[in-house]
PDB file of N, CA and C in Angstrom:
ATOM      1  N   MET A   1     148.918 102.164   7.912  1.00  0.00           N
ATOM      2  CA  MET A   1     148.366 103.504   7.711  1.00  0.00           C
ATOM      3  C   MET A   1     147.111 103.671   8.531  1.00  0.00           C
ATOM      4  N   PHE A   2     146.854 104.946   8.888  1.00  0.00           N
ATOM      5  CA  PHE A   2     145.791 105.336   9.790  1.00  0.00           C
ATOM      6  C   PHE A   2     144.448 105.165   8.994  1.00  0.00           C
ATOM      7  N   ASP A   3     143.556 104.524   9.693  1.00  0.00           N
ATOM      8  CA  ASP A   3     142.148 104.343   9.134  1.00  0.00           C
ATOM      9  C   ASP A   3     141.215 105.179   9.842  1.00  0.00           C
ATOM     10  N   ALA A   4     140.788 106.260   9.278  1.00  0.00           N
ATOM     11  CA  ALA A   4     139.843 107.168   9.930  1.00  0.00           C
ATOM     12  C   ALA A   4     138.520 106.671  10.195  1.00  0.00           C
ATOM     13  N   SER A   5     138.113 105.730   9.352  1.00  0.00           N
ATOM     14  CA  SER A   5     136.778 105.141   9.524  1.00  0.00           C
ATOM     15  C   SER A   5     136.625 104.231  10.700  1.00  0.00           C
ATOM     16  N   SER A   6     137.637 103.443  10.988  1.00  0.00           N
ATOM     17  CA  SER A   6     137.611 102.528  12.160  1.00  0.00           C
ATOM     18  C   SER A   6     137.769 103.422  13.473  1.00  0.00           C
ATOM     19  N   SER A   7     138.492 104.526  13.475  1.00  0.00           N
ATOM     20  CA  SER A   7     138.695 105.308  14.629  1.00  0.00           C
ATOM     21  C   SER A   7     137.290 106.066  14.878  1.00  0.00           C
ATOM     22  N   GLN A   8     136.648 106.388  13.796  1.00  0.00           N
ATOM     23  CA  GLN A   8     135.298 107.089  13.953  1.00  0.00           C
ATOM     24  C   GLN A   8     134.238 106.187  14.570  1.00  0.00           C
ATOM     25  N   LYS A   9     134.422 104.861  14.082  1.00  0.00           N
ATOM     26  CA  LYS A   9     133.508 103.841  14.584  1.00  0.00           C
ATOM     27  C   LYS A   9     133.660 103.576  16.089  1.00  0.00           C
ATOM     28  N   LYS A  10     134.918 103.576  16.545  1.00  0.00           N
ATOM     29  CA  LYS A  10     135.206 103.397  17.934  1.00  0.00           C
ATOM     30  C   LYS A  10     134.576 104.501  18.732  1.00  0.00           C
ATOM     31  N   ASP A  11     134.777 105.724  18.227  1.00  0.00           N
ATOM     32  CA  ASP A  11     134.323 106.904  18.935  1.00  0.00           C
ATOM     33  C   ASP A  11     132.789 106.850  19.040  1.00  0.00           C
ATOM     34  N   GLU A  12     132.134 106.397  18.000  1.00  0.00           N
ATOM     35  CA  GLU A  12     130.673 106.221  17.978  1.00  0.00           C
ATOM     36  C   GLU A  12     130.227 105.072  18.999  1.00  0.00           C
ATOM     37  N   GLN A  13     131.064 104.099  19.024  1.00  0.00           N
ATOM     38  CA  GLN A  13     130.808 102.993  19.883  1.00  0.00           C
ATOM     39  C   GLN A  13     130.799 103.317  21.376  1.00  0.00           C
ATOM     40  N   TYR A  14     131.831 104.148  21.736  1.00  0.00           N
ATOM     41  CA  TYR A  14     132.038 104.483  23.175  1.00  0.00           C
ATOM     42  C   TYR A  14     131.364 105.742  23.521  1.00  0.00           C
ATOM     43  N   TYR A  15     130.877 106.514  22.625  1.00  0.00           N
ATOM     44  CA  TYR A  15     130.180 107.831  22.960  1.00  0.00           C
ATOM     45  C   TYR A  15     129.013 107.649  23.975  1.00  0.00           C
ATOM     46  N   PRO A  16     128.154 106.573  23.855  1.00  0.00           N
ATOM     47  CA  PRO A  16     127.070 106.622  24.855  1.00  0.00           C
ATOM     48  C   PRO A  16     127.654 106.308  26.226  1.00  0.00           C
ATOM     49  N   THR A  17     128.666 105.451  26.381  1.00  0.00           N
ATOM     50  CA  THR A  17     129.256 105.206  27.641  1.00  0.00           C
ATOM     51  C   THR A  17     129.955 106.418  28.241  1.00  0.00           C
ATOM     52  N   LYS A  18     130.631 107.166  27.310  1.00  0.00           N
ATOM     53  CA  LYS A  18     131.311 108.411  27.878  1.00  0.00           C
ATOM     54  C   LYS A  18     130.185 109.427  28.293  1.00  0.00           C
ATOM     55  N   GLN A  19     129.097 109.542  27.553  1.00  0.00           N
ATOM     56  CA  GLN A  19     128.063 110.413  27.837  1.00  0.00           C
ATOM     57  C   GLN A  19     127.388 110.054  29.182  1.00  0.00           C
ATOM     58  N   GLU A  20     127.172 108.770  29.490  1.00  0.00           N
ATOM     59  CA  GLU A  20     126.686 108.246  30.701  1.00  0.00           C
ATOM     60  C   GLU A  20     127.516 108.576  31.852  1.00  0.00           C
ATOM     61  N   MET A  21     128.840 108.363  31.718  1.00  0.00           N
ATOM     62  CA  MET A  21     129.835 108.637  32.745  1.00  0.00           C
ATOM     63  C   MET A  21     129.682 110.200  33.074  1.00  0.00           C
ATOM     64  N   MET A  22     129.708 110.992  32.066  1.00  0.00           N
ATOM     65  CA  MET A  22     129.689 112.492  32.283  1.00  0.00           C
ATOM     66  C   MET A  22     128.329 112.863  33.097  1.00  0.00           C
ATOM     67  N   GLU A  23     127.219 112.206  32.587  1.00  0.00           N
ATOM     68  CA  GLU A  23     125.979 112.587  33.332  1.00  0.00           C
ATOM     69  C   GLU A  23     126.031 112.108  34.807  1.00  0.00           C
ATOM     70  N   THR A  24     126.582 110.995  35.057  1.00  0.00           N
ATOM     71  CA  THR A  24     126.746 110.473  36.448  1.00  0.00           C
ATOM     72  C   THR A  24     127.610 111.428  37.203  1.00  0.00           C
ATOM     73  N   ARG A  25     128.666 111.902  36.677  1.00  0.00           N
ATOM     74  CA  ARG A  25     129.531 112.871  37.347  1.00  0.00           C
ATOM     75  C   ARG A  25     128.829 114.162  37.625  1.00  0.00           C
ATOM     76  N   ASP A  26     128.061 114.620  36.723  1.00  0.00           N
ATOM     77  CA  ASP A  26     127.386 115.895  36.936  1.00  0.00           C
ATOM     78  C   ASP A  26     126.225 115.664  38.018  1.00  0.00           C
ATOM     79  N   SER A  27     125.587 114.621  38.095  1.00  0.00           N
ATOM     80  CA  SER A  27     124.515 114.301  39.065  1.00  0.00           C
ATOM     81  C   SER A  27     125.244 114.183  40.422  1.00  0.00           C
ATOM     82  N   ARG A  28     126.334 113.613  40.493  1.00  0.00           N
ATOM     83  CA  ARG A  28     127.071 113.640  41.841  1.00  0.00           C
ATOM     84  C   ARG A  28     127.446 114.949  42.349  1.00  0.00           C
ATOM     85  N   ARG A  29     127.933 115.787  41.349  1.00  0.00           N
ATOM     86  CA  ARG A  29     128.258 117.189  41.672  1.00  0.00           C
ATOM     87  C   ARG A  29     127.083 117.931  42.174  1.00  0.00           C
ATOM     88  N   ARG A  30     125.934 117.703  41.608  1.00  0.00           N
ATOM     89  CA  ARG A  30     124.679 118.501  42.045  1.00  0.00           C
ATOM     90  C   ARG A  30     124.302 118.014  43.472  1.00  0.00           C
ATOM     91  N   LEU A  31     124.616 116.788  43.853  1.00  0.00           N
ATOM     92  CA  LEU A  31     124.233 116.314  45.135  1.00  0.00           C
ATOM     93  C   LEU A  31     125.056 116.869  46.246  1.00  0.00           C
ATOM     94  N   GLN A  32     126.231 117.428  45.856  1.00  0.00           N
ATOM     95  CA  GLN A  32     127.248 117.854  46.806  1.00  0.00           C
ATOM     96  C   GLN A  32     126.869 119.252  47.316  1.00  0.00           C
ATOM     97  N   THR A  33     125.735 119.447  47.907  1.00  0.00           N
ATOM     98  CA  THR A  33     125.357 120.726  48.427  1.00  0.00           C
ATOM     99  C   THR A  33     125.947 120.875  49.780  1.00  0.00           C
ATOM    100  N   PRO A  34     125.866 122.048  50.398  1.00  0.00           N
ATOM    101  CA  PRO A  34     126.352 122.177  51.740  1.00  0.00           C
ATOM    102  C   PRO A  34     125.667 121.273  52.783  1.00  0.00           C
ATOM    103  N   GLU A  35     124.372 121.091  52.523  1.00  0.00           N
ATOM    104  CA  GLU A  35     123.633 120.104  53.419  1.00  0.00           C
ATOM    105  C   GLU A  35     124.126 118.746  53.368  1.00  0.00           C
ATOM    106  N   TYR A  36     124.471 118.275  52.067  1.00  0.00           N
ATOM    107  CA  TYR A  36     125.011 116.950  51.839  1.00  0.00           C
ATOM    108  C   TYR A  36     126.344 116.853  52.577  1.00  0.00           C
ATOM    109  N   GLN A  37     127.256 117.891  52.393  1.00  0.00           N
ATOM    110  CA  GLN A  37     128.498 117.911  52.920  1.00  0.00           C
ATOM    111  C   GLN A  37     128.443 117.773  54.477  1.00  0.00           C
ATOM    112  N   ALA A  38     127.468 118.438  55.172  1.00  0.00           N
ATOM    113  CA  ALA A  38     127.281 118.446  56.539  1.00  0.00           C
ATOM    114  C   ALA A  38     126.887 117.013  56.999  1.00  0.00           C
ATOM    115  N   GLN A  39     125.967 116.427  56.248  1.00  0.00           N
ATOM    116  CA  GLN A  39     125.578 115.044  56.497  1.00  0.00           C
ATOM    117  C   GLN A  39     126.719 114.143  56.426  1.00  0.00           C
ATOM    118  N   VAL A  40     127.567 114.263  55.463  1.00  0.00           N
ATOM    119  CA  VAL A  40     128.755 113.392  55.232  1.00  0.00           C
ATOM    120  C   VAL A  40     129.667 113.568  56.486  1.00  0.00           C
ATOM    121  N   GLN A  41     129.931 114.852  56.831  1.00  0.00           N
ATOM    122  CA  GLN A  41     130.824 115.076  58.046  1.00  0.00           C
ATOM    123  C   GLN A  41     130.236 114.476  59.395  1.00  0.00           C
ATOM    124  N   LYS A  42     128.922 114.553  59.454  1.00  0.00           N
ATOM    125  CA  LYS A  42     128.256 114.064  60.687  1.00  0.00           C
ATOM    126  C   LYS A  42     128.443 112.455  60.614  1.00  0.00           C
ATOM    127  N   ALA A  43     128.193 111.840  59.540  1.00  0.00           N
ATOM    128  CA  ALA A  43     128.326 110.437  59.439  1.00  0.00           C
ATOM    129  C   ALA A  43     129.763 109.970  59.629  1.00  0.00           C
ATOM    130  N   GLU A  44     130.716 110.720  59.174  1.00  0.00           N
ATOM    131  CA  GLU A  44     132.121 110.388  59.338  1.00  0.00           C
ATOM    132  C   GLU A  44     132.442 110.479  60.901  1.00  0.00           C
ATOM    133  N   SER A  45     132.020 111.536  61.553  1.00  0.00           N
ATOM    134  CA  SER A  45     132.337 111.702  62.976  1.00  0.00           C
ATOM    135  C   SER A  45     131.583 110.623  63.754  1.00  0.00           C
ATOM    136  N   ASN A  46     130.418 110.251  63.429  1.00  0.00           N
ATOM    137  CA  ASN A  46     129.752 109.062  64.004  1.00  0.00           C
ATOM    138  C   ASN A  46     130.515 107.810  63.912  1.00  0.00           C
ATOM    139  N   LEU A  47     130.958 107.589  62.716  1.00  0.00           N
ATOM    140  CA  LEU A  47     131.784 106.381  62.366  1.00  0.00           C
ATOM    141  C   LEU A  47     133.093 106.420  63.194  1.00  0.00           C
ATOM    142  N   GLN A  48     133.727 107.631  63.397  1.00  0.00           N
ATOM    143  CA  GLN A  48     134.887 107.633  64.151  1.00  0.00           C
ATOM    144  C   GLN A  48     134.655 107.328  65.593  1.00  0.00           C
ATOM    145  N   LEU A  49     133.415 107.829  66.147  1.00  0.00           N
ATOM    146  CA  LEU A  49     133.090 107.455  67.449  1.00  0.00           C
ATOM    147  C   LEU A  49     132.784 105.983  67.708  1.00  0.00           C
ATOM    148  N   VAL A  50     132.134 105.400  66.772  1.00  0.00           N
ATOM    149  CA  VAL A  50     131.882 103.986  66.858  1.00  0.00           C
ATOM    150  C   VAL A  50     133.185 103.180  66.792  1.00  0.00           C
ATOM    151  N   ASN A  51     134.143 103.666  65.963  1.00  0.00           N
ATOM    152  CA  ASN A  51     135.436 102.973  65.993  1.00  0.00           C
ATOM    153  C   ASN A  51     136.213 103.043  67.307  1.00  0.00           C
ATOM    154  N   MET A  52     136.094 104.297  67.909  1.00  0.00           N
ATOM    155  CA  MET A  52     136.735 104.501  69.147  1.00  0.00           C
ATOM    156  C   MET A  52     136.137 103.594  70.246  1.00  0.00           C
ATOM    157  N   ILE A  53     134.774 103.516  70.262  1.00  0.00           N
ATOM    158  CA  ILE A  53     134.160 102.564  71.152  1.00  0.00           C
ATOM    159  C   ILE A  53     134.581 101.164  70.958  1.00  0.00           C
ATOM    160  N   LEU A  54     134.565 100.657  69.681  1.00  0.00           N
ATOM    161  CA  LEU A  54     134.995  99.342  69.392  1.00  0.00           C
ATOM    162  C   LEU A  54     136.391  99.038  69.822  1.00  0.00           C
ATOM    163  N   MET A  55     137.275 100.047  69.632  1.00  0.00           N
ATOM    164  CA  MET A  55     138.748  99.836  70.106  1.00  0.00           C
ATOM    165  C   MET A  55     138.800  99.797  71.661  1.00  0.00           C
ATOM    166  N   SER A  56     137.993 100.474  72.266  1.00  0.00           N
ATOM    167  CA  SER A  56     138.007 100.527  73.663  1.00  0.00           C
ATOM    168  C   SER A  56     137.494  99.154  74.307  1.00  0.00           C
ATOM    169  N   PHE A  57     136.424  98.678  73.633  1.00  0.00           N
ATOM    170  CA  PHE A  57     135.952  97.260  74.053  1.00  0.00           C
ATOM    171  C   PHE A  57     136.997  96.311  73.801  1.00  0.00           C
ATOM    172  N   SER A  58     137.674  96.378  72.691  1.00  0.00           N
ATOM    173  CA  SER A  58     138.758  95.409  72.355  1.00  0.00           C
ATOM    174  C   SER A  58     139.885  95.509  73.321  1.00  0.00           C
ATOM    175  N   ALA A  59     140.243  96.780  73.774  1.00  0.00           N
ATOM    176  CA  ALA A  59     141.313  96.838  74.656  1.00  0.00           C
ATOM    177  C   ALA A  59     140.851  96.300  76.050  1.00  0.00           C
ATOM    178  N   GLU A  60     139.622  96.465  76.477  1.00  0.00           N
ATOM    179  CA  GLU A  60     139.083  95.821  77.737  1.00  0.00           C
ATOM    180  C   GLU A  60     139.154  94.358  77.708  1.00  0.00           C
ATOM    181  N   GLN A  61     138.791  93.753  76.499  1.00  0.00           N
ATOM    182  CA  GLN A  61     138.726  92.398  76.352  1.00  0.00           C
ATOM    183  C   GLN A  61     140.121  91.781  76.468  1.00  0.00           C
ATOM    184  N   ASN A  62     141.000  92.443  75.774  1.00  0.00           N
ATOM    185  CA  ASN A  62     142.403  92.005  75.817  1.00  0.00           C
ATOM    186  C   ASN A  62     142.945  92.066  77.302  1.00  0.00           C
ATOM    187  N   ALA A  63     142.630  93.180  77.998  1.00  0.00           N
ATOM    188  CA  ALA A  63     143.085  93.296  79.515  1.00  0.00           C
ATOM    189  C   ALA A  63     142.455  92.131  80.283  1.00  0.00           C
ATOM    190  N   CYS A  64     141.184  91.739  80.017  1.00  0.00           N
ATOM    191  CA  CYS A  64     140.603  90.685  80.773  1.00  0.00           C
ATOM    192  C   CYS A  64     141.289  89.311  80.423  1.00  0.00           C
ATOM    193  N   VAL A  65     141.612  89.175  79.156  1.00  0.00           N
ATOM    194  CA  VAL A  65     142.290  87.930  78.802  1.00  0.00           C
ATOM    195  C   VAL A  65     143.637  87.788  79.499  1.00  0.00           C
ATOM    196  N   GLU A  66     144.382  88.931  79.453  1.00  0.00           N
ATOM    197  CA  GLU A  66     145.733  89.022  80.085  1.00  0.00           C
ATOM    198  C   GLU A  66     145.470  88.752  81.643  1.00  0.00           C
ATOM    199  N   GLN A  67     144.454  89.321  82.262  1.00  0.00           N
ATOM    200  CA  GLN A  67     144.281  89.106  83.657  1.00  0.00           C
ATOM    201  C   GLN A  67     143.946  87.623  83.964  1.00  0.00           C
ATOM    202  N   ARG A  68     143.134  86.974  83.100  1.00  0.00           N
ATOM    203  CA  ARG A  68     142.883  85.601  83.249  1.00  0.00           C
ATOM    204  C   ARG A  68     144.172  84.767  83.203  1.00  0.00           C
ATOM    205  N   LEU A  69     144.963  85.038  82.173  1.00  0.00           N
ATOM    206  CA  LEU A  69     146.187  84.232  82.014  1.00  0.00           C
ATOM    207  C   LEU A  69     147.137  84.451  83.248  1.00  0.00           C
ATOM    208  N   SER A  70     147.148  85.720  83.736  1.00  0.00           N
ATOM    209  CA  SER A  70     148.042  85.950  84.937  1.00  0.00           C
ATOM    210  C   SER A  70     147.482  85.194  86.151  1.00  0.00           C
ATOM    211  N   LEU A  71     146.176  85.208  86.336  1.00  0.00           N
ATOM    212  CA  LEU A  71     145.502  84.541  87.454  1.00  0.00           C
ATOM    213  C   LEU A  71     145.769  83.077  87.401  1.00  0.00           C
ATOM    214  N   GLY A  72     145.640  82.544  86.050  1.00  0.00           N
ATOM    215  CA  GLY A  72     145.931  81.065  85.831  1.00  0.00           C
ATOM    216  C   GLY A  72     147.372  80.731  86.200  1.00  0.00           C
ATOM    217  N   ARG A  73     148.328  81.571  85.739  1.00  0.00           N
ATOM    218  CA  ARG A  73     149.719  81.332  86.140  1.00  0.00           C
ATOM    219  C   ARG A  73     149.939  81.354  87.666  1.00  0.00           C
ATOM    220  N   HIS A  74     149.385  82.411  88.305  1.00  0.00           N
ATOM    221  CA  HIS A  74     149.437  82.474  89.733  1.00  0.00           C
ATOM    222  C   HIS A  74     148.901  81.260  90.450  1.00  0.00           C
ATOM    223  N   GLN A  75     147.667  80.848  89.975  1.00  0.00           N
ATOM    224  CA  GLN A  75     147.084  79.583  90.630  1.00  0.00           C
ATOM    225  C   GLN A  75     147.945  78.338  90.374  1.00  0.00           C
ATOM    226  N   HIS A  76     148.582  78.266  89.247  1.00  0.00           N
ATOM    227  CA  HIS A  76     149.450  77.073  88.982  1.00  0.00           C
ATOM    228  C   HIS A  76     150.704  77.127  89.894  1.00  0.00           C
ATOM    229  N   ARG A  77     151.298  78.385  90.098  1.00  0.00           N
ATOM    230  CA  ARG A  77     152.427  78.501  91.054  1.00  0.00           C
ATOM    231  C   ARG A  77     151.983  78.103  92.540  1.00  0.00           C
ATOM    232  N   THR A  78     150.770  78.589  92.918  1.00  0.00           N
ATOM    233  CA  THR A  78     150.282  78.365  94.138  1.00  0.00           C
ATOM    234  C   THR A  78     150.091  76.840  94.361  1.00  0.00           C
ATOM    235  N   GLU A  79     149.524  76.177  93.457  1.00  0.00           N
ATOM    236  CA  GLU A  79     149.285  74.754  93.496  1.00  0.00           C
ATOM    237  C   GLU A  79     150.626  73.967  93.649  1.00  0.00           C
ATOM    238  N   GLU A  80     151.645  74.413  92.803  1.00  0.00           N
ATOM    239  CA  GLU A  80     152.879  73.824  92.877  1.00  0.00           C
ATOM    240  C   GLU A  80     153.569  73.994  94.252  1.00  0.00           C
ATOM    241  N   ALA A  81     153.414  75.140  94.895  1.00  0.00           N
ATOM    242  CA  ALA A  81     153.941  75.447  96.154  1.00  0.00           C
ATOM    243  C   ALA A  81     153.322  74.573  97.236  1.00  0.00           C
ATOM    244  N   LEU A  82     151.914  74.438  97.049  1.00  0.00           N
ATOM    245  CA  LEU A  82     151.236  73.567  98.052  1.00  0.00           C
ATOM    246  C   LEU A  82     151.683  72.138  97.963  1.00  0.00           C
ATOM    247  N   ARG A  83     151.812  71.605  96.742  1.00  0.00           N
ATOM    248  CA  ARG A  83     152.146  70.265  96.527  1.00  0.00           C
ATOM    249  C   ARG A  83     153.631  70.060  97.174  1.00  0.00           C
ATOM    250  N   THR A  84     154.506  71.037  96.956  1.00  0.00           N
ATOM    251  CA  THR A  84     155.830  71.024  97.489  1.00  0.00           C
ATOM    252  C   THR A  84     155.782  70.925  99.019  1.00  0.00           C
ATOM    253  N   ILE A  85     154.966  71.734  99.574  1.00  0.00           N
ATOM    254  CA  ILE A  85     154.835  71.853 101.153  1.00  0.00           C
ATOM    255  C   ILE A  85     154.272  70.533 101.615  1.00  0.00           C
ATOM    256  N   ILE A  86     153.193  69.938 100.918  1.00  0.00           N
ATOM    257  CA  ILE A  86     152.588  68.636 101.355  1.00  0.00           C
ATOM    258  C   ILE A  86     153.733  67.515 101.178  1.00  0.00           C
ATOM    259  N   TYR A  87     154.524  67.595 100.206  1.00  0.00           N
ATOM    260  CA  TYR A  87     155.492  66.552 100.047  1.00  0.00           C
ATOM    261  C   TYR A  87     156.549  66.598 101.043  1.00  0.00           C
ATOM    262  N   GLU A  88     156.992  67.875 101.387  1.00  0.00           N
ATOM    263  CA  GLU A  88     158.012  68.025 102.415  1.00  0.00           C
ATOM    264  C   GLU A  88     157.422  67.554 103.786  1.00  0.00           C
ATOM    265  N   MET A  89     156.172  67.858 103.984  1.00  0.00           N
ATOM    266  CA  MET A  89     155.598  67.426 105.328  1.00  0.00           C
ATOM    267  C   MET A  89     155.500  65.972 105.499  1.00  0.00           C
ATOM    268  N   LYS A  90     155.201  65.333 104.323  1.00  0.00           N
ATOM    269  CA  LYS A  90     155.230  63.758 104.339  1.00  0.00           C
ATOM    270  C   LYS A  90     156.572  63.221 104.476  1.00  0.00           C
ATOM    271  N   GLN A  91     157.583  63.887 104.107  1.00  0.00           N
ATOM    272  CA  GLN A  91     158.964  63.395 104.265  1.00  0.00           C
ATOM    273  C   GLN A  91     159.355  63.390 105.658  1.00  0.00           C
ATOM    274  N   LYS A  92     158.929  64.314 106.475  1.00  0.00           N
ATOM    275  CA  LYS A  92     159.371  64.420 107.896  1.00  0.00           C
ATOM    276  C   LYS A  92     158.906  63.406 108.778  1.00  0.00           C
TER     277      LYS A  92
END
């Protein structure tokens, strides 16, 4: 059976928390002025710019790594070719 007194106690127990949450929501709404919205938009665009710059640096770094690997492979093939030439010259 439903107990009205326990339900009322729960409401009384959680009322201060609910009230605090509503006050917080109201204070957030008061802060959302046009100036605040403009600041948020500017901060978001600055963040996007920073992310684009970081991605550019990352791409450049990856390209440098690929170039180093390619040069390393080319150097290895050149050394092998020189060893082969030296070996063939010694055989003659």
